[in-house]
Amino acid sequence: MHYSVRPATRFDAVSIAYQLRPEDDSEVRAATGKHPSDVLPDCVNAKTFVLEVSIEQGMPGRLLALFGVNEISSEIAIPWMVATPLLLAHQFYFLRNCKHWVDKLSAGYTSLINCVDARNEVHIKWLKWCGFTFTHLHPQWGAAKLPFWQFEKDIPCATP
């Protein structure tokens, strides 16, 4: 197997929107009230990446996940990720490498902040494993007015 992480395109975002894990599809819809294909292309920016797997290097890959950060200010960004069911079959590679990508995407910011559907226990467990803390339960958040946990990660300043 060959894994690659590359900059994402709007095409990747539309493609993955129709392949999402049910939990990811549900969370996007609950937060925004829209189909993922209407939301994800607008999230693609210079700090958005796609994780893919192929049988051998140089062959077309199958999408596993789309992830990135969207800047709120020069100090704060919103981390996010959606995945396909295929990610489960490649979870060991993903778990070995995801902390590196969280660190890489957080570079230059003092804090990462977002909300996660409180029903999504897998996402919550993974976020805790990546070092995020849960600061507040919003009982009626997003378009669906469902419970969402706010999570944050303070980024230590690099010393010169």
C-alpha atoms as a PDB file:
ATOM      1  CA  MET A   1       0.000   0.000   0.000  1.00  0.00           C
ATOM      2  CA  HIS A   2       1.107   3.516  -0.727  1.00  0.00           C
ATOM      3  CA  TYR A   3      -0.323   6.414   1.264  1.00  0.00           C
ATOM      4  CA  SER A   4      -0.102  10.023   0.261  1.00  0.00           C
ATOM      5  CA  VAL A   5      -1.181  13.328   1.701  1.00  0.00           C
ATOM      6  CA  ARG A   6      -1.476  16.073  -0.861  1.00  0.00           C
ATOM      7  CA  PRO A   7      -3.138  19.468  -1.171  1.00  0.00           C
ATOM      8  CA  ALA A   8      -6.864  19.039  -1.712  1.00  0.00           C
ATOM      9  CA  THR A   9      -8.851  20.375  -4.631  1.00  0.00           C
ATOM     10  CA  ARG A  10     -12.495  21.378  -4.858  1.00  0.00           C
ATOM     11  CA  PHE A  11     -12.970  18.215  -6.955  1.00  0.00           C
ATOM     12  CA  ASP A  12     -11.650  16.110  -4.037  1.00  0.00           C
ATOM     13  CA  ALA A  13     -14.114  17.831  -1.714  1.00  0.00           C
ATOM     14  CA  VAL A  14     -17.096  17.126  -3.963  1.00  0.00           C
ATOM     15  CA  SER A  15     -15.948  13.554  -4.555  1.00  0.00           C
ATOM     16  CA  ILE A  16     -15.499  12.741  -0.868  1.00  0.00           C
ATOM     17  CA  ALA A  17     -18.823  14.430   0.011  1.00  0.00           C
ATOM     18  CA  TYR A  18     -20.647  11.519  -1.626  1.00  0.00           C
ATOM     19  CA  GLN A  19     -18.520   8.860   0.097  1.00  0.00           C
ATOM     20  CA  LEU A  20     -18.576  10.037   3.731  1.00  0.00           C
ATOM     21  CA  ARG A  21     -18.957   7.817   6.737  1.00  0.00           C
ATOM     22  CA  PRO A  22     -22.562   8.131   7.967  1.00  0.00           C
ATOM     23  CA  GLU A  23     -21.320   9.848  11.151  1.00  0.00           C
ATOM     24  CA  ASP A  24     -19.477  12.516   9.161  1.00  0.00           C
ATOM     25  CA  ASP A  25     -22.397  13.069   6.800  1.00  0.00           C
ATOM     26  CA  SER A  26     -24.749  13.420   9.757  1.00  0.00           C
ATOM     27  CA  GLU A  27     -22.446  15.858  11.565  1.00  0.00           C
ATOM     28  CA  VAL A  28     -22.014  18.128   8.528  1.00  0.00           C
ATOM     29  CA  ARG A  29     -25.783  18.204   7.973  1.00  0.00           C
ATOM     30  CA  ALA A  30     -26.514  18.838  11.677  1.00  0.00           C
ATOM     31  CA  ALA A  31     -24.008  21.695  11.838  1.00  0.00           C
ATOM     32  CA  THR A  32     -24.861  23.392   8.546  1.00  0.00           C
ATOM     33  CA  GLY A  33     -28.269  22.172   7.420  1.00  0.00           C
ATOM     34  CA  LYS A  34     -26.707  21.426   4.013  1.00  0.00           C
ATOM     35  CA  HIS A  35     -25.493  18.422   2.067  1.00  0.00           C
ATOM     36  CA  PRO A  36     -21.711  17.938   2.397  1.00  0.00           C
ATOM     37  CA  SER A  37     -21.284  18.572  -1.346  1.00  0.00           C
ATOM     38  CA  ASP A  38     -22.585  22.102  -0.748  1.00  0.00           C
ATOM     39  CA  VAL A  39     -20.240  22.714   2.209  1.00  0.00           C
ATOM     40  CA  LEU A  40     -16.919  20.940   1.676  1.00  0.00           C
ATOM     41  CA  PRO A  41     -15.799  22.701  -1.536  1.00  0.00           C
ATOM     42  CA  ASP A  42     -15.998  26.030   0.304  1.00  0.00           C
ATOM     43  CA  CYS A  43     -13.670  24.659   3.007  1.00  0.00           C
ATOM     44  CA  VAL A  44     -10.840  23.947   0.567  1.00  0.00           C
ATOM     45  CA  ASN A  45      -7.990  26.424   0.956  1.00  0.00           C
ATOM     46  CA  ALA A  46      -4.208  26.448   1.155  1.00  0.00           C
ATOM     47  CA  LYS A  47      -4.343  24.473   4.410  1.00  0.00           C
ATOM     48  CA  THR A  48      -6.615  21.652   3.220  1.00  0.00           C
ATOM     49  CA  PHE A  49      -5.293  18.198   2.437  1.00  0.00           C
ATOM     50  CA  VAL A  50      -6.546  14.845   1.243  1.00  0.00           C
ATOM     51  CA  LEU A  51      -5.308  11.474   2.483  1.00  0.00           C
ATOM     52  CA  GLU A  52      -5.445   8.744  -0.117  1.00  0.00           C
ATOM     53  CA  VAL A  53      -4.279   5.164  -0.513  1.00  0.00           C
ATOM     54  CA  SER A  54      -3.267   3.301  -3.641  1.00  0.00           C
ATOM     55  CA  ILE A  55      -2.149  -0.233  -4.309  1.00  0.00           C
ATOM     56  CA  GLU A  56       1.188   0.958  -5.625  1.00  0.00           C
ATOM     57  CA  GLN A  57       2.991   4.253  -5.916  1.00  0.00           C
ATOM     58  CA  GLY A  58       1.982   6.270  -8.946  1.00  0.00           C
ATOM     59  CA  MET A  59      -1.419   4.592  -9.249  1.00  0.00           C
ATOM     60  CA  PRO A  60      -4.644   6.559  -8.725  1.00  0.00           C
ATOM     61  CA  GLY A  61      -5.584   6.610  -5.061  1.00  0.00           C
ATOM     62  CA  ARG A  62      -8.809   6.060  -3.162  1.00  0.00           C
ATOM     63  CA  LEU A  63      -9.807   8.873  -0.840  1.00  0.00           C
ATOM     64  CA  LEU A  64      -9.645   8.175   2.885  1.00  0.00           C
ATOM     65  CA  ALA A  65     -10.066  11.623   4.438  1.00  0.00           C
ATOM     66  CA  LEU A  66     -10.234  15.348   3.784  1.00  0.00           C
ATOM     67  CA  PHE A  67      -8.887  17.602   6.519  1.00  0.00           C
ATOM     68  CA  GLY A  68      -7.552  21.039   7.226  1.00  0.00           C
ATOM     69  CA  VAL A  69      -7.892  24.270   9.141  1.00  0.00           C
ATOM     70  CA  ASN A  70      -9.796  27.408   8.280  1.00  0.00           C
ATOM     71  CA  GLU A  71      -8.380  30.605   9.722  1.00  0.00           C
ATOM     72  CA  ILE A  72     -10.537  32.771  11.997  1.00  0.00           C
ATOM     73  CA  SER A  73      -7.755  35.231  12.762  1.00  0.00           C
ATOM     74  CA  SER A  74      -3.965  35.291  12.616  1.00  0.00           C
ATOM     75  CA  GLU A  75      -3.970  33.422  15.955  1.00  0.00           C
ATOM     76  CA  ILE A  76      -7.000  31.093  15.818  1.00  0.00           C
ATOM     77  CA  ALA A  77      -8.044  28.420  13.317  1.00  0.00           C
ATOM     78  CA  ILE A  78     -10.875  25.916  12.989  1.00  0.00           C
ATOM     79  CA  PRO A  79      -9.611  22.336  12.561  1.00  0.00           C
ATOM     80  CA  TRP A  80     -11.868  19.903  10.732  1.00  0.00           C
ATOM     81  CA  MET A  81     -11.847  16.485   9.108  1.00  0.00           C
ATOM     82  CA  VAL A  82     -14.252  14.174   7.308  1.00  0.00           C
ATOM     83  CA  ALA A  83     -13.569  10.611   6.229  1.00  0.00           C
ATOM     84  CA  THR A  84     -14.844   7.755   4.125  1.00  0.00           C
ATOM     85  CA  PRO A  85     -15.646   4.303   5.551  1.00  0.00           C
ATOM     86  CA  LEU A  86     -12.385   3.119   3.951  1.00  0.00           C
ATOM     87  CA  LEU A  87     -10.451   4.954   6.683  1.00  0.00           C
ATOM     88  CA  LEU A  88     -11.319   2.192   9.161  1.00  0.00           C
ATOM     89  CA  ALA A  89      -9.392  -0.344   7.087  1.00  0.00           C
ATOM     90  CA  HIS A  90      -6.345   1.953   7.253  1.00  0.00           C
ATOM     91  CA  GLN A  91      -6.709   3.177  10.821  1.00  0.00           C
ATOM     92  CA  PHE A  92      -3.224   2.156  11.930  1.00  0.00           C
ATOM     93  CA  TYR A  93      -1.537   4.314   9.301  1.00  0.00           C
ATOM     94  CA  PHE A  94      -3.933   7.143  10.087  1.00  0.00           C
ATOM     95  CA  LEU A  95      -3.423   6.994  13.862  1.00  0.00           C
ATOM     96  CA  ARG A  96       0.367   6.808  13.506  1.00  0.00           C
ATOM     97  CA  ASN A  97       0.383   9.983  11.424  1.00  0.00           C
ATOM     98  CA  CYS A  98      -2.528  12.172  12.518  1.00  0.00           C
ATOM     99  CA  LYS A  99      -0.763  13.873  15.450  1.00  0.00           C
ATOM    100  CA  HIS A 100       1.949  14.996  13.024  1.00  0.00           C
ATOM    101  CA  TRP A 101      -0.695  16.598  10.806  1.00  0.00           C
ATOM    102  CA  VAL A 102      -2.442  18.273  13.749  1.00  0.00           C
ATOM    103  CA  ASP A 103       0.930  19.765  14.714  1.00  0.00           C
ATOM    104  CA  LYS A 104       1.680  20.802  11.132  1.00  0.00           C
ATOM    105  CA  LEU A 105      -1.721  22.452  10.635  1.00  0.00           C
ATOM    106  CA  SER A 106      -1.547  24.267  13.973  1.00  0.00           C
ATOM    107  CA  ALA A 107       1.796  25.917  13.164  1.00  0.00           C
ATOM    108  CA  GLY A 108       1.527  29.686  13.420  1.00  0.00           C
ATOM    109  CA  TYR A 109      -1.635  29.672  15.540  1.00  0.00           C
ATOM    110  CA  THR A 110      -2.040  29.969  19.299  1.00  0.00           C
ATOM    111  CA  SER A 111      -5.299  28.014  19.409  1.00  0.00           C
ATOM    112  CA  LEU A 112      -7.455  25.602  17.447  1.00  0.00           C
ATOM    113  CA  ILE A 113     -11.201  25.693  18.197  1.00  0.00           C
ATOM    114  CA  ASN A 114     -14.250  23.896  16.787  1.00  0.00           C
ATOM    115  CA  CYS A 115     -17.339  21.914  17.778  1.00  0.00           C
ATOM    116  CA  VAL A 116     -18.141  18.223  17.380  1.00  0.00           C
ATOM    117  CA  ASP A 117     -21.508  16.451  17.410  1.00  0.00           C
ATOM    118  CA  ALA A 118     -21.966  15.121  20.948  1.00  0.00           C
ATOM    119  CA  ARG A 119     -23.427  11.897  19.525  1.00  0.00           C
ATOM    120  CA  ASN A 120     -20.162  11.102  17.744  1.00  0.00           C
ATOM    121  CA  GLU A 121     -18.224   9.147  20.354  1.00  0.00           C
ATOM    122  CA  VAL A 122     -15.535   8.019  17.884  1.00  0.00           C
ATOM    123  CA  HIS A 123     -14.685  11.613  16.948  1.00  0.00           C
ATOM    124  CA  ILE A 124     -14.654  12.693  20.596  1.00  0.00           C
ATOM    125  CA  LYS A 125     -12.326   9.850  21.590  1.00  0.00           C
ATOM    126  CA  TRP A 126      -9.983  10.636  18.669  1.00  0.00           C
ATOM    127  CA  LEU A 127      -9.935  14.379  19.469  1.00  0.00           C
ATOM    128  CA  LYS A 128      -8.998  13.630  23.090  1.00  0.00           C
ATOM    129  CA  TRP A 129      -6.226  11.311  21.871  1.00  0.00           C
ATOM    130  CA  CYS A 130      -4.911  14.155  19.678  1.00  0.00           C
ATOM    131  CA  GLY A 131      -4.669  16.435  22.728  1.00  0.00           C
ATOM    132  CA  PHE A 132      -7.833  18.512  22.390  1.00  0.00           C
ATOM    133  CA  THR A 133      -9.827  19.434  25.480  1.00  0.00           C
ATOM    134  CA  PHE A 134     -13.590  19.811  25.693  1.00  0.00           C
ATOM    135  CA  THR A 135     -14.594  23.144  27.138  1.00  0.00           C
ATOM    136  CA  HIS A 136     -18.332  23.588  26.747  1.00  0.00           C
ATOM    137  CA  LEU A 137     -21.421  21.611  25.754  1.00  0.00           C
ATOM    138  CA  HIS A 138     -23.682  23.689  23.512  1.00  0.00           C
ATOM    139  CA  PRO A 139     -27.113  22.057  24.050  1.00  0.00           C
ATOM    140  CA  GLN A 140     -28.574  23.430  20.815  1.00  0.00           C
ATOM    141  CA  TRP A 141     -25.873  24.133  18.243  1.00  0.00           C
ATOM    142  CA  GLY A 142     -25.871  24.321  14.467  1.00  0.00           C
ATOM    143  CA  ALA A 143     -28.727  24.133  12.019  1.00  0.00           C
ATOM    144  CA  ALA A 144     -30.245  21.062  13.672  1.00  0.00           C
ATOM    145  CA  LYS A 145     -30.010  22.555  17.191  1.00  0.00           C
ATOM    146  CA  LEU A 146     -28.375  19.396  18.528  1.00  0.00           C
ATOM    147  CA  PRO A 147     -25.841  19.072  21.359  1.00  0.00           C
ATOM    148  CA  PHE A 148     -22.276  19.791  20.196  1.00  0.00           C
ATOM    149  CA  TRP A 149     -19.117  19.861  22.288  1.00  0.00           C
ATOM    150  CA  GLN A 150     -16.726  22.752  21.838  1.00  0.00           C
ATOM    151  CA  PHE A 151     -13.136  21.507  21.742  1.00  0.00           C
ATOM    152  CA  GLU A 152      -9.885  23.442  21.820  1.00  0.00           C
ATOM    153  CA  LYS A 153      -6.166  22.993  21.706  1.00  0.00           C
ATOM    154  CA  ASP A 154      -3.774  25.678  22.871  1.00  0.00           C
ATOM    155  CA  ILE A 155      -0.581  25.698  20.857  1.00  0.00           C
ATOM    156  CA  PRO A 156       2.630  26.358  22.788  1.00  0.00           C
ATOM    157  CA  CYS A 157       4.689  29.202  21.419  1.00  0.00           C
ATOM    158  CA  ALA A 158       7.931  28.151  19.828  1.00  0.00           C
ATOM    159  CA  THR A 159      10.984  29.538  21.559  1.00  0.00           C
ATOM    160  CA  PRO A 160      13.664  31.093  19.353  1.00  0.00           C
END
